[in-house]
PDB file of N, CA and C in Angstrom:
ATOM      1  N   MET A   1      -9.816  -3.213   8.843  1.00  0.00           N
ATOM      2  CA  MET A   1      -8.480  -2.717   8.528  1.00  0.00           C
ATOM      3  C   MET A   1      -8.449  -1.207   8.707  1.00  0.00           C
ATOM      4  N   GLU A   2      -7.327  -0.728   9.167  1.00  0.00           N
ATOM      5  CA  GLU A   2      -7.241   0.709   9.332  1.00  0.00           C
ATOM      6  C   GLU A   2      -6.805   1.380   8.029  1.00  0.00           C
ATOM      7  N   LYS A   3      -6.891   2.668   8.034  1.00  0.00           N
ATOM      8  CA  LYS A   3      -6.659   3.443   6.816  1.00  0.00           C
ATOM      9  C   LYS A   3      -5.247   3.256   6.257  1.00  0.00           C
ATOM     10  N   SER A   4      -4.232   3.237   7.132  1.00  0.00           N
ATOM     11  CA  SER A   4      -2.856   3.103   6.653  1.00  0.00           C
ATOM     12  C   SER A   4      -2.613   1.739   6.007  1.00  0.00           C
ATOM     13  N   GLN A   5      -3.272   0.693   6.515  1.00  0.00           N
ATOM     14  CA  GLN A   5      -3.128  -0.629   5.905  1.00  0.00           C
ATOM     15  C   GLN A   5      -3.773  -0.659   4.526  1.00  0.00           C
ATOM     16  N   LEU A   6      -4.934  -0.025   4.396  1.00  0.00           N
ATOM     17  CA  LEU A   6      -5.593   0.044   3.097  1.00  0.00           C
ATOM     18  C   LEU A   6      -4.758   0.839   2.096  1.00  0.00           C
ATOM     19  N   GLU A   7      -4.139   1.928   2.568  1.00  0.00           N
ATOM     20  CA  GLU A   7      -3.271   2.720   1.701  1.00  0.00           C
ATOM     21  C   GLU A   7      -2.052   1.920   1.257  1.00  0.00           C
ATOM     22  N   ALA A   8      -1.486   1.134   2.196  1.00  0.00           N
ATOM     23  CA  ALA A   8      -0.322   0.316   1.869  1.00  0.00           C
ATOM     24  C   ALA A   8      -0.682  -0.750   0.837  1.00  0.00           C
ATOM     25  N   ILE A   9      -1.847  -1.352   0.964  1.00  0.00           N
ATOM     26  CA  ILE A   9      -2.285  -2.365   0.007  1.00  0.00           C
ATOM     27  C   ILE A   9      -2.501  -1.735  -1.369  1.00  0.00           C
ATOM     28  N   ALA A  10      -3.137  -0.579  -1.403  1.00  0.00           N
ATOM     29  CA  ALA A  10      -3.366   0.122  -2.671  1.00  0.00           C
ATOM     30  C   ALA A  10      -2.032   0.523  -3.303  1.00  0.00           C
ATOM     31  N   TYR A  11      -1.113   0.980  -2.494  1.00  0.00           N
ATOM     32  CA  TYR A  11       0.229   1.384  -2.941  1.00  0.00           C
ATOM     33  C   TYR A  11       0.930   0.210  -3.614  1.00  0.00           C
ATOM     34  N   MET A  12       0.921  -0.943  -2.952  1.00  0.00           N
ATOM     35  CA  MET A  12       1.587  -2.125  -3.491  1.00  0.00           C
ATOM     36  C   MET A  12       0.890  -2.638  -4.755  1.00  0.00           C
ATOM     37  N   ASN A  13      -0.431  -2.536  -4.804  1.00  0.00           N
ATOM     38  CA  ASN A  13      -1.167  -2.967  -5.994  1.00  0.00           C
ATOM     39  C   ASN A  13      -0.822  -2.115  -7.208  1.00  0.00           C
ATOM     40  N   VAL A  14      -0.658  -0.820  -7.003  1.00  0.00           N
ATOM     41  CA  VAL A  14      -0.298   0.068  -8.113  1.00  0.00           C
ATOM     42  C   VAL A  14       1.111  -0.253  -8.613  1.00  0.00           C
ATOM     43  N   LEU A  15       2.050  -0.498  -7.684  1.00  0.00           N
ATOM     44  CA  LEU A  15       3.406  -0.862  -8.100  1.00  0.00           C
ATOM     45  C   LEU A  15       3.423  -2.205  -8.825  1.00  0.00           C
ATOM     46  N   LYS A  16       2.624  -3.147  -8.351  1.00  0.00           N
ATOM     47  CA  LYS A  16       2.544  -4.458  -8.987  1.00  0.00           C
ATOM     48  C   LYS A  16       1.994  -4.337 -10.415  1.00  0.00           C
ATOM     49  N   LYS A  17       0.995  -3.477 -10.571  1.00  0.00           N
ATOM     50  CA  LYS A  17       0.403  -3.242 -11.892  1.00  0.00           C
ATOM     51  C   LYS A  17       1.423  -2.608 -12.840  1.00  0.00           C
ATOM     52  N   THR A  18       2.205  -1.668 -12.347  1.00  0.00           N
ATOM     53  CA  THR A  18       3.241  -1.025 -13.157  1.00  0.00           C
ATOM     54  C   THR A  18       4.301  -2.039 -13.570  1.00  0.00           C
ATOM     55  N   ARG A  19       4.720  -2.898 -12.633  1.00  0.00           N
ATOM     56  CA  ARG A  19       5.702  -3.930 -12.961  1.00  0.00           C
ATOM     57  C   ARG A  19       5.170  -4.884 -14.029  1.00  0.00           C
ATOM     58  N   ARG A  20       3.903  -5.270 -13.892  1.00  0.00           N
ATOM     59  CA  ARG A  20       3.287  -6.192 -14.852  1.00  0.00           C
ATOM     60  C   ARG A  20       3.236  -5.563 -16.238  1.00  0.00           C
ATOM     61  N   ARG A  21       2.878  -4.292 -16.319  1.00  0.00           N
ATOM     62  CA  ARG A  21       2.815  -3.609 -17.615  1.00  0.00           C
ATOM     63  C   ARG A  21       4.195  -3.505 -18.257  1.00  0.00           C
ATOM     64  N   ARG A  22       5.227  -3.279 -17.446  1.00  0.00           N
ATOM     65  CA  ARG A  22       6.596  -3.237 -17.968  1.00  0.00           C
ATOM     66  C   ARG A  22       6.998  -4.592 -18.530  1.00  0.00           C
ATOM     67  N   LYS A  23       6.637  -5.655 -17.821  1.00  0.00           N
ATOM     68  CA  LYS A  23       6.949  -7.007 -18.310  1.00  0.00           C
ATOM     69  C   LYS A  23       6.271  -7.267 -19.643  1.00  0.00           C
ATOM     70  N   TYR A  24       5.015  -6.865 -19.785  1.00  0.00           N
ATOM     71  CA  TYR A  24       4.308  -7.023 -21.057  1.00  0.00           C
ATOM     72  C   TYR A  24       5.022  -6.272 -22.174  1.00  0.00           C
ATOM     73  N   PHE A  25       5.475  -5.062 -21.870  1.00  0.00           N
ATOM     74  CA  PHE A  25       6.169  -4.249 -22.874  1.00  0.00           C
ATOM     75  C   PHE A  25       7.449  -4.936 -23.343  1.00  0.00           C
ATOM     76  N   PHE A  26       8.297  -5.327 -22.390  1.00  0.00           N
ATOM     77  CA  PHE A  26       9.574  -5.931 -22.765  1.00  0.00           C
ATOM     78  C   PHE A  26       9.371  -7.288 -23.446  1.00  0.00           C
ATOM     79  N   PHE A  27       8.377  -8.041 -23.030  1.00  0.00           N
ATOM     80  CA  PHE A  27       8.069  -9.305 -23.691  1.00  0.00           C
ATOM     81  C   PHE A  27       7.648  -9.057 -25.140  1.00  0.00           C
ATOM     82  N   THR A  28       6.822  -8.043 -25.349  1.00  0.00           N
ATOM     83  CA  THR A  28       6.358  -7.716 -26.696  1.00  0.00           C
ATOM     84  C   THR A  28       7.521  -7.309 -27.592  1.00  0.00           C
ATOM     85  N   VAL A  29       8.438  -6.532 -27.073  1.00  0.00           N
ATOM     86  CA  VAL A  29       9.597  -6.110 -27.860  1.00  0.00           C
ATOM     87  C   VAL A  29      10.492  -7.311 -28.184  1.00  0.00           C
ATOM     88  N   LEU A  30      10.726  -8.171 -27.199  1.00  0.00           N
ATOM     89  CA  LEU A  30      11.643  -9.297 -27.389  1.00  0.00           C
ATOM     90  C   LEU A  30      11.063 -10.433 -28.232  1.00  0.00           C
ATOM     91  N   ILE A  31       9.760 -10.556 -28.323  1.00  0.00           N
ATOM     92  CA  ILE A  31       9.144 -11.666 -29.039  1.00  0.00           C
ATOM     93  C   ILE A  31       9.129 -11.458 -30.547  1.00  0.00           C
ATOM     94  N   TYR A  32       9.378 -10.259 -31.029  1.00  0.00           N
ATOM     95  CA  TYR A  32       9.222  -9.972 -32.453  1.00  0.00           C
ATOM     96  C   TYR A  32      10.142 -10.811 -33.346  1.00  0.00           C
ATOM     97  N   ILE A  33      11.423 -10.825 -33.065  1.00  0.00           N
ATOM     98  CA  ILE A  33      12.376 -11.547 -33.934  1.00  0.00           C
ATOM     99  C   ILE A  33      12.101 -13.058 -33.922  1.00  0.00           C
ATOM    100  N   PRO A  34      11.920 -13.696 -32.758  1.00  0.00           N
ATOM    101  CA  PRO A  34      11.585 -15.122 -32.805  1.00  0.00           C
ATOM    102  C   PRO A  34      10.273 -15.398 -33.552  1.00  0.00           C
ATOM    103  N   ALA A  35       9.277 -14.546 -33.371  1.00  0.00           N
ATOM    104  CA  ALA A  35       8.012 -14.730 -34.091  1.00  0.00           C
ATOM    105  C   ALA A  35       8.224 -14.569 -35.587  1.00  0.00           C
ATOM    106  N   LEU A  36       9.062 -13.636 -35.972  1.00  0.00           N
ATOM    107  CA  LEU A  36       9.367 -13.426 -37.382  1.00  0.00           C
ATOM    108  C   LEU A  36      10.052 -14.658 -37.983  1.00  0.00           C
ATOM    109  N   LEU A  37      10.975 -15.245 -37.250  1.00  0.00           N
ATOM    110  CA  LEU A  37      11.659 -16.440 -37.725  1.00  0.00           C
ATOM    111  C   LEU A  37      10.694 -17.625 -37.859  1.00  0.00           C
ATOM    112  N   ILE A  38       9.788 -17.760 -36.912  1.00  0.00           N
ATOM    113  CA  ILE A  38       8.798 -18.850 -36.967  1.00  0.00           C
ATOM    114  C   ILE A  38       7.872 -18.668 -38.156  1.00  0.00           C
ATOM    115  N   VAL A  39       7.388 -17.458 -38.359  1.00  0.00           N
ATOM    116  CA  VAL A  39       6.496 -17.194 -39.495  1.00  0.00           C
ATOM    117  C   VAL A  39       7.245 -17.407 -40.805  1.00  0.00           C
ATOM    118  N   HIS A  40       8.498 -17.032 -40.842  1.00  0.00           N
ATOM    119  CA  HIS A  40       9.290 -17.230 -42.051  1.00  0.00           C
ATOM    120  C   HIS A  40       9.469 -18.723 -42.368  1.00  0.00           C
ATOM    121  N   GLN A  41       9.608 -19.539 -41.331  1.00  0.00           N
ATOM    122  CA  GLN A  41       9.726 -20.987 -41.535  1.00  0.00           C
ATOM    123  C   GLN A  41       8.421 -21.580 -42.044  1.00  0.00           C
ATOM    124  N   ILE A  42       7.296 -21.072 -41.538  1.00  0.00           N
ATOM    125  CA  ILE A  42       5.989 -21.598 -41.923  1.00  0.00           C
ATOM    126  C   ILE A  42       5.580 -21.097 -43.302  1.00  0.00           C
ATOM    127  N   SER A  43       5.677 -19.799 -43.501  1.00  0.00           N
ATOM    128  CA  SER A  43       5.246 -19.201 -44.768  1.00  0.00           C
ATOM    129  C   SER A  43       6.153 -18.010 -45.098  1.00  0.00           C
ATOM    130  N   PRO A  44       7.157 -18.222 -45.938  1.00  0.00           N
ATOM    131  CA  PRO A  44       8.126 -17.153 -46.223  1.00  0.00           C
ATOM    132  C   PRO A  44       7.649 -16.132 -47.259  1.00  0.00           C
ATOM    133  N   THR A  45       6.402 -15.724 -47.165  1.00  0.00           N
ATOM    134  CA  THR A  45       5.893 -14.725 -48.111  1.00  0.00           C
ATOM    135  C   THR A  45       5.909 -13.348 -47.477  1.00  0.00           C
ATOM    136  N   ASN A  46       5.914 -12.345 -48.334  1.00  0.00           N
ATOM    137  CA  ASN A  46       5.881 -10.972 -47.838  1.00  0.00           C
ATOM    138  C   ASN A  46       4.564 -10.674 -47.136  1.00  0.00           C
ATOM    139  N   ARG A  47       3.490 -11.278 -47.592  1.00  0.00           N
ATOM    140  CA  ARG A  47       2.183 -11.044 -46.978  1.00  0.00           C
ATOM    141  C   ARG A  47       2.158 -11.549 -45.527  1.00  0.00           C
ATOM    142  N   ALA A  48       2.704 -12.730 -45.285  1.00  0.00           N
ATOM    143  CA  ALA A  48       2.740 -13.282 -43.926  1.00  0.00           C
ATOM    144  C   ALA A  48       3.597 -12.409 -43.017  1.00  0.00           C
ATOM    145  N   MET A  49       4.747 -11.992 -43.531  1.00  0.00           N
ATOM    146  CA  MET A  49       5.635 -11.122 -42.740  1.00  0.00           C
ATOM    147  C   MET A  49       4.968  -9.777 -42.449  1.00  0.00           C
ATOM    148  N   GLY A  50       4.302  -9.222 -43.426  1.00  0.00           N
ATOM    149  CA  GLY A  50       3.607  -7.945 -43.238  1.00  0.00           C
ATOM    150  C   GLY A  50       2.466  -8.057 -42.243  1.00  0.00           C
ATOM    151  N   THR A  51       1.749  -9.171 -42.304  1.00  0.00           N
ATOM    152  CA  THR A  51       0.656  -9.386 -41.355  1.00  0.00           C
ATOM    153  C   THR A  51       1.196  -9.497 -39.936  1.00  0.00           C
ATOM    154  N   LEU A  52       2.267 -10.272 -39.770  1.00  0.00           N
ATOM    155  CA  LEU A  52       2.886 -10.394 -38.445  1.00  0.00           C
ATOM    156  C   LEU A  52       3.335  -9.034 -37.942  1.00  0.00           C
ATOM    157  N   PHE A  53       3.986  -8.262 -38.811  1.00  0.00           N
ATOM    158  CA  PHE A  53       4.453  -6.937 -38.410  1.00  0.00           C
ATOM    159  C   PHE A  53       3.283  -6.045 -37.991  1.00  0.00           C
ATOM    160  N   GLY A  54       2.192  -6.071 -38.760  1.00  0.00           N
ATOM    161  CA  GLY A  54       1.021  -5.255 -38.430  1.00  0.00           C
ATOM    162  C   GLY A  54       0.413  -5.633 -37.090  1.00  0.00           C
ATOM    163  N   VAL A  55       0.260  -6.937 -36.851  1.00  0.00           N
ATOM    164  CA  VAL A  55      -0.299  -7.412 -35.575  1.00  0.00           C
ATOM    165  C   VAL A  55       0.632  -7.037 -34.430  1.00  0.00           C
ATOM    166  N   TRP A  56       1.935  -7.261 -34.621  1.00  0.00           N
ATOM    167  CA  TRP A  56       2.905  -6.928 -33.577  1.00  0.00           C
ATOM    168  C   TRP A  56       2.911  -5.427 -33.283  1.00  0.00           C
ATOM    169  N   LEU A  57       2.808  -4.617 -34.317  1.00  0.00           N
ATOM    170  CA  LEU A  57       2.816  -3.166 -34.135  1.00  0.00           C
ATOM    171  C   LEU A  57       1.592  -2.691 -33.353  1.00  0.00           C
ATOM    172  N   VAL A  58       0.430  -3.267 -33.627  1.00  0.00           N
ATOM    173  CA  VAL A  58      -0.783  -2.905 -32.882  1.00  0.00           C
ATOM    174  C   VAL A  58      -0.631  -3.297 -31.412  1.00  0.00           C
ATOM    175  N   ILE A  59      -0.128  -4.513 -31.169  1.00  0.00           N
ATOM    176  CA  ILE A  59       0.080  -4.961 -29.780  1.00  0.00           C
ATOM    177  C   ILE A  59       1.101  -4.077 -29.087  1.00  0.00           C
ATOM    178  N   LEU A  60       2.187  -3.742 -29.773  1.00  0.00           N
ATOM    179  CA  LEU A  60       3.209  -2.867 -29.193  1.00  0.00           C
ATOM    180  C   LEU A  60       2.637  -1.491 -28.862  1.00  0.00           C
ATOM    181  N   PHE A  61       1.820  -0.949 -29.731  1.00  0.00           N
ATOM    182  CA  PHE A  61       1.199   0.355 -29.490  1.00  0.00           C
ATOM    183  C   PHE A  61       0.328   0.305 -28.235  1.00  0.00           C
ATOM    184  N   ILE A  62      -0.482  -0.737 -28.109  1.00  0.00           N
ATOM    185  CA  ILE A  62      -1.374  -0.860 -26.950  1.00  0.00           C
ATOM    186  C   ILE A  62      -0.568  -1.013 -25.664  1.00  0.00           C
ATOM    187  N   VAL A  63       0.433  -1.879 -25.678  1.00  0.00           N
ATOM    188  CA  VAL A  63       1.238  -2.110 -24.477  1.00  0.00           C
ATOM    189  C   VAL A  63       2.028  -0.855 -24.102  1.00  0.00           C
ATOM    190  N   THR A  64       2.570  -0.161 -25.086  1.00  0.00           N
ATOM    191  CA  THR A  64       3.298   1.080 -24.814  1.00  0.00           C
ATOM    192  C   THR A  64       2.374   2.134 -24.222  1.00  0.00           C
ATOM    193  N   PHE A  65       1.169   2.206 -24.719  1.00  0.00           N
ATOM    194  CA  PHE A  65       0.187   3.150 -24.185  1.00  0.00           C
ATOM    195  C   PHE A  65      -0.115   2.826 -22.719  1.00  0.00           C
ATOM    196  N   LEU A  66      -0.276   1.537 -22.403  1.00  0.00           N
ATOM    197  CA  LEU A  66      -0.543   1.141 -21.018  1.00  0.00           C
ATOM    198  C   LEU A  66       0.643   1.466 -20.106  1.00  0.00           C
ATOM    199  N   VAL A  67       1.858   1.223 -20.585  1.00  0.00           N
ATOM    200  CA  VAL A  67       3.051   1.534 -19.789  1.00  0.00           C
ATOM    201  C   VAL A  67       3.155   3.047 -19.569  1.00  0.00           C
ATOM    202  N   ALA A  68       2.877   3.805 -20.602  1.00  0.00           N
ATOM    203  CA  ALA A  68       2.990   5.266 -20.496  1.00  0.00           C
ATOM    204  C   ALA A  68       1.996   5.835 -19.497  1.00  0.00           C
ATOM    205  N   LEU A  69       0.850   5.205 -19.350  1.00  0.00           N
ATOM    206  CA  LEU A  69      -0.175   5.720 -18.444  1.00  0.00           C
ATOM    207  C   LEU A  69      -0.123   5.117 -17.043  1.00  0.00           C
ATOM    208  N   SER A  70       0.937   4.399 -16.727  1.00  0.00           N
ATOM    209  CA  SER A  70       1.111   3.857 -15.377  1.00  0.00           C
ATOM    210  C   SER A  70       1.416   4.999 -14.418  1.00  0.00           C
ATOM    211  N   LYS A  71       0.684   5.034 -13.325  1.00  0.00           N
ATOM    212  CA  LYS A  71       0.865   6.101 -12.325  1.00  0.00           C
ATOM    213  C   LYS A  71       1.811   5.660 -11.225  1.00  0.00           C
ATOM    214  N   CYS A  72       2.521   6.606 -10.675  1.00  0.00           N
ATOM    215  CA  CYS A  72       3.384   6.365  -9.527  1.00  0.00           C
ATOM    216  C   CYS A  72       2.528   6.419  -8.264  1.00  0.00           C
ATOM    217  N   PRO A  73       2.623   5.417  -7.391  1.00  0.00           N
ATOM    218  CA  PRO A  73       1.810   5.451  -6.183  1.00  0.00           C
ATOM    219  C   PRO A  73       2.273   6.489  -5.166  1.00  0.00           C
ATOM    220  N   ARG A  74       3.525   6.901  -5.241  1.00  0.00           N
ATOM    221  CA  ARG A  74       4.032   7.868  -4.261  1.00  0.00           C
ATOM    222  C   ARG A  74       3.640   9.296  -4.608  1.00  0.00           C
ATOM    223  N   CYS A  75       3.912   9.710  -5.853  1.00  0.00           N
ATOM    224  CA  CYS A  75       3.679  11.118  -6.208  1.00  0.00           C
ATOM    225  C   CYS A  75       2.410  11.336  -7.034  1.00  0.00           C
ATOM    226  N   GLY A  76       1.864  10.274  -7.616  1.00  0.00           N
ATOM    227  CA  GLY A  76       0.629  10.399  -8.383  1.00  0.00           C
ATOM    228  C   GLY A  76       0.819  10.823  -9.831  1.00  0.00           C
ATOM    229  N   ASN A  77       2.061  11.086 -10.243  1.00  0.00           N
ATOM    230  CA  ASN A  77       2.344  11.435 -11.635  1.00  0.00           C
ATOM    231  C   ASN A  77       2.549  10.157 -12.445  1.00  0.00           C
ATOM    232  N   TYR A  78       2.688  10.316 -13.756  1.00  0.00           N
ATOM    233  CA  TYR A  78       2.977   9.168 -14.598  1.00  0.00           C
ATOM    234  C   TYR A  78       4.388   8.669 -14.305  1.00  0.00           C
ATOM    235  N   PHE A  79       4.521   7.368 -14.135  1.00  0.00           N
ATOM    236  CA  PHE A  79       5.802   6.771 -13.732  1.00  0.00           C
ATOM    237  C   PHE A  79       6.865   6.941 -14.814  1.00  0.00           C
ATOM    238  N   HIS A  80       6.511   6.713 -16.074  1.00  0.00           N
ATOM    239  CA  HIS A  80       7.479   6.708 -17.165  1.00  0.00           C
ATOM    240  C   HIS A  80       7.378   7.915 -18.091  1.00  0.00           C
ATOM    241  N   LEU A  81       6.489   8.830 -17.811  1.00  0.00           N
ATOM    242  CA  LEU A  81       6.325  10.010 -18.663  1.00  0.00           C
ATOM    243  C   LEU A  81       6.747  11.269 -17.917  1.00  0.00           C
ATOM    244  N   HIS A  82       7.508  12.094 -18.593  1.00  0.00           N
ATOM    245  CA  HIS A  82       7.840  13.418 -18.074  1.00  0.00           C
ATOM    246  C   HIS A  82       7.648  14.382 -19.229  1.00  0.00           C
ATOM    247  N   GLY A  83       6.542  15.096 -19.203  1.00  0.00           N
ATOM    248  CA  GLY A  83       6.184  15.938 -20.340  1.00  0.00           C
ATOM    249  C   GLY A  83       5.771  15.041 -21.488  1.00  0.00           C
ATOM    250  N   MET A  84       6.413  15.193 -22.628  1.00  0.00           N
ATOM    251  CA  MET A  84       6.131  14.348 -23.790  1.00  0.00           C
ATOM    252  C   MET A  84       7.161  13.232 -23.942  1.00  0.00           C
ATOM    253  N   THR A  85       8.049  13.082 -22.966  1.00  0.00           N
ATOM    254  CA  THR A  85       9.126  12.108 -23.048  1.00  0.00           C
ATOM    255  C   THR A  85       8.735  10.817 -22.340  1.00  0.00           C
ATOM    256  N   LEU A  86       8.773   9.707 -23.071  1.00  0.00           N
ATOM    257  CA  LEU A  86       8.528   8.391 -22.507  1.00  0.00           C
ATOM    258  C   LEU A  86       9.869   7.702 -22.311  1.00  0.00           C
ATOM    259  N   LEU A  87      10.251   7.507 -21.053  1.00  0.00           N
ATOM    260  CA  LEU A  87      11.487   6.811 -20.709  1.00  0.00           C
ATOM    261  C   LEU A  87      11.129   5.649 -19.799  1.00  0.00           C
ATOM    262  N   ILE A  88      11.321   4.449 -20.274  1.00  0.00           N
ATOM    263  CA  ILE A  88      10.967   3.282 -19.476  1.00  0.00           C
ATOM    264  C   ILE A  88      12.195   2.904 -18.657  1.00  0.00           C
ATOM    265  N   LEU A  89      12.348   3.599 -17.557  1.00  0.00           N
ATOM    266  CA  LEU A  89      13.455   3.409 -16.641  1.00  0.00           C
ATOM    267  C   LEU A  89      12.954   2.740 -15.369  1.00  0.00           C
ATOM    268  N   ARG A  90      13.856   2.419 -14.461  1.00  0.00           N
ATOM    269  CA  ARG A  90      13.477   1.734 -13.228  1.00  0.00           C
ATOM    270  C   ARG A  90      12.993   2.676 -12.136  1.00  0.00           C
ATOM    271  N   LYS A  91      13.188   3.960 -12.316  1.00  0.00           N
ATOM    272  CA  LYS A  91      12.763   4.924 -11.301  1.00  0.00           C
ATOM    273  C   LYS A  91      11.716   5.865 -11.871  1.00  0.00           C
ATOM    274  N   CYS A  92      10.827   6.317 -10.989  1.00  0.00           N
ATOM    275  CA  CYS A  92       9.837   7.318 -11.374  1.00  0.00           C
ATOM    276  C   CYS A  92      10.584   8.570 -11.831  1.00  0.00           C
ATOM    277  N   LEU A  93      10.126   9.154 -12.894  1.00  0.00           N
ATOM    278  CA  LEU A  93      10.798  10.333 -13.431  1.00  0.00           C
ATOM    279  C   LEU A  93      10.537  11.584 -12.609  1.00  0.00           C
ATOM    280  N   HIS A  94       9.643  11.498 -11.619  1.00  0.00           N
ATOM    281  CA  HIS A  94       9.295  12.664 -10.804  1.00  0.00           C
ATOM    282  C   HIS A  94       9.837  12.561  -9.381  1.00  0.00           C
ATOM    283  N   CYS A  95       9.581  11.424  -8.702  1.00  0.00           N
ATOM    284  CA  CYS A  95       9.972  11.308  -7.287  1.00  0.00           C
ATOM    285  C   CYS A  95      11.077  10.287  -7.049  1.00  0.00           C
ATOM    286  N   GLN A  96      11.582   9.662  -8.117  1.00  0.00           N
ATOM    287  CA  GLN A  96      12.674   8.693  -8.054  1.00  0.00           C
ATOM    288  C   GLN A  96      12.346   7.419  -7.269  1.00  0.00           C
ATOM    289  N   LEU A  97      11.080   7.048  -7.194  1.00  0.00           N
ATOM    290  CA  LEU A  97      10.682   5.787  -6.575  1.00  0.00           C
ATOM    291  C   LEU A  97      11.168   4.651  -7.466  1.00  0.00           C
ATOM    292  N   HIS A  98      11.902   3.703  -6.886  1.00  0.00           N
ATOM    293  CA  HIS A  98      12.410   2.563  -7.652  1.00  0.00           C
ATOM    294  C   HIS A  98      11.284   1.556  -7.854  1.00  0.00           C
ATOM    295  N   ILE A  99      11.271   0.916  -9.008  1.00  0.00           N
ATOM    296  CA  ILE A  99      10.201  -0.012  -9.369  1.00  0.00           C
ATOM    297  C   ILE A  99      10.175  -1.227  -8.440  1.00  0.00           C
ATOM    298  N   LYS A 100      11.292  -1.599  -7.841  1.00  0.00           N
ATOM    299  CA  LYS A 100      11.367  -2.758  -6.955  1.00  0.00           C
ATOM    300  C   LYS A 100      11.146  -2.412  -5.481  1.00  0.00           C
ATOM    301  N   GLU A 101      10.959  -1.160  -5.178  1.00  0.00           N
ATOM    302  CA  GLU A 101      10.791  -0.747  -3.786  1.00  0.00           C
ATOM    303  C   GLU A 101       9.488  -1.298  -3.228  1.00  0.00           C
ATOM    304  N   ASN A 102       9.562  -1.909  -2.044  1.00  0.00           N
ATOM    305  CA  ASN A 102       8.388  -2.525  -1.453  1.00  0.00           C
ATOM    306  C   ASN A 102       7.885  -1.816  -0.207  1.00  0.00           C
ATOM    307  N   GLU A 103       8.543  -0.758   0.182  1.00  0.00           N
ATOM    308  CA  GLU A 103       8.119  -0.028   1.379  1.00  0.00           C
ATOM    309  C   GLU A 103       7.022   0.959   1.039  1.00  0.00           C
ATOM    310  N   PHE A 104       6.061   1.045   1.935  1.00  0.00           N
ATOM    311  CA  PHE A 104       4.996   2.029   1.786  1.00  0.00           C
ATOM    312  C   PHE A 104       5.471   3.316   2.439  1.00  0.00           C
ATOM    313  N   ALA A 105       5.816   4.297   1.623  1.00  0.00           N
ATOM    314  CA  ALA A 105       6.305   5.580   2.126  1.00  0.00           C
ATOM    315  C   ALA A 105       5.713   6.701   1.300  1.00  0.00           C
ATOM    316  N   PRO A 106       4.446   7.012   1.515  1.00  0.00           N
ATOM    317  CA  PRO A 106       3.837   8.063   0.701  1.00  0.00           C
ATOM    318  C   PRO A 106       4.396   9.435   1.056  1.00  0.00           C
ATOM    319  N   THR A 107       4.429  10.301   0.075  1.00  0.00           N
ATOM    320  CA  THR A 107       4.812  11.687   0.314  1.00  0.00           C
ATOM    321  C   THR A 107       3.582  12.542   0.044  1.00  0.00           C
ATOM    322  N   LYS A 108       3.612  13.741   0.536  1.00  0.00           N
ATOM    323  CA  LYS A 108       2.484  14.627   0.301  1.00  0.00           C
ATOM    324  C   LYS A 108       2.489  15.087  -1.154  1.00  0.00           C
ATOM    325  N   ARG A 109       1.339  15.026  -1.764  1.00  0.00           N
ATOM    326  CA  ARG A 109       1.218  15.477  -3.144  1.00  0.00           C
ATOM    327  C   ARG A 109       1.107  16.993  -3.179  1.00  0.00           C
ATOM    328  N   PRO A 110       1.777  17.607  -4.142  1.00  0.00           N
ATOM    329  CA  PRO A 110       1.650  19.073  -4.247  1.00  0.00           C
ATOM    330  C   PRO A 110       0.236  19.453  -4.685  1.00  0.00           C
ATOM    331  N   LEU A 111      -0.221  20.577  -4.173  1.00  0.00           N
ATOM    332  CA  LEU A 111      -1.559  21.044  -4.509  1.00  0.00           C
ATOM    333  C   LEU A 111      -1.611  21.746  -5.819  1.00  0.00           C
TER     334      LEU A 111
END
């Protein structure tokens, strides 16, 4: 394989990884209320609810950390971080690469 094909494969793999991490994040956020209702049906104690909340919070922290550290394949910066601001949007906060874009179009990284 030539160099440009290898770069294109690496580019697509990084975007795929970023998409997967976003899915994990949104799934984790959306699963909380249904999980809370299920736990409440099984054991309506404060201890069970607190345990669920603690486990969910740890998972949310880990998934958010992974999403925050996702790199943009085009510019090499963090996809969802700009300074100390975490914005989980569909475009890179630096080069405006859309999360669904499938074209390999690298730009030169600033030195």
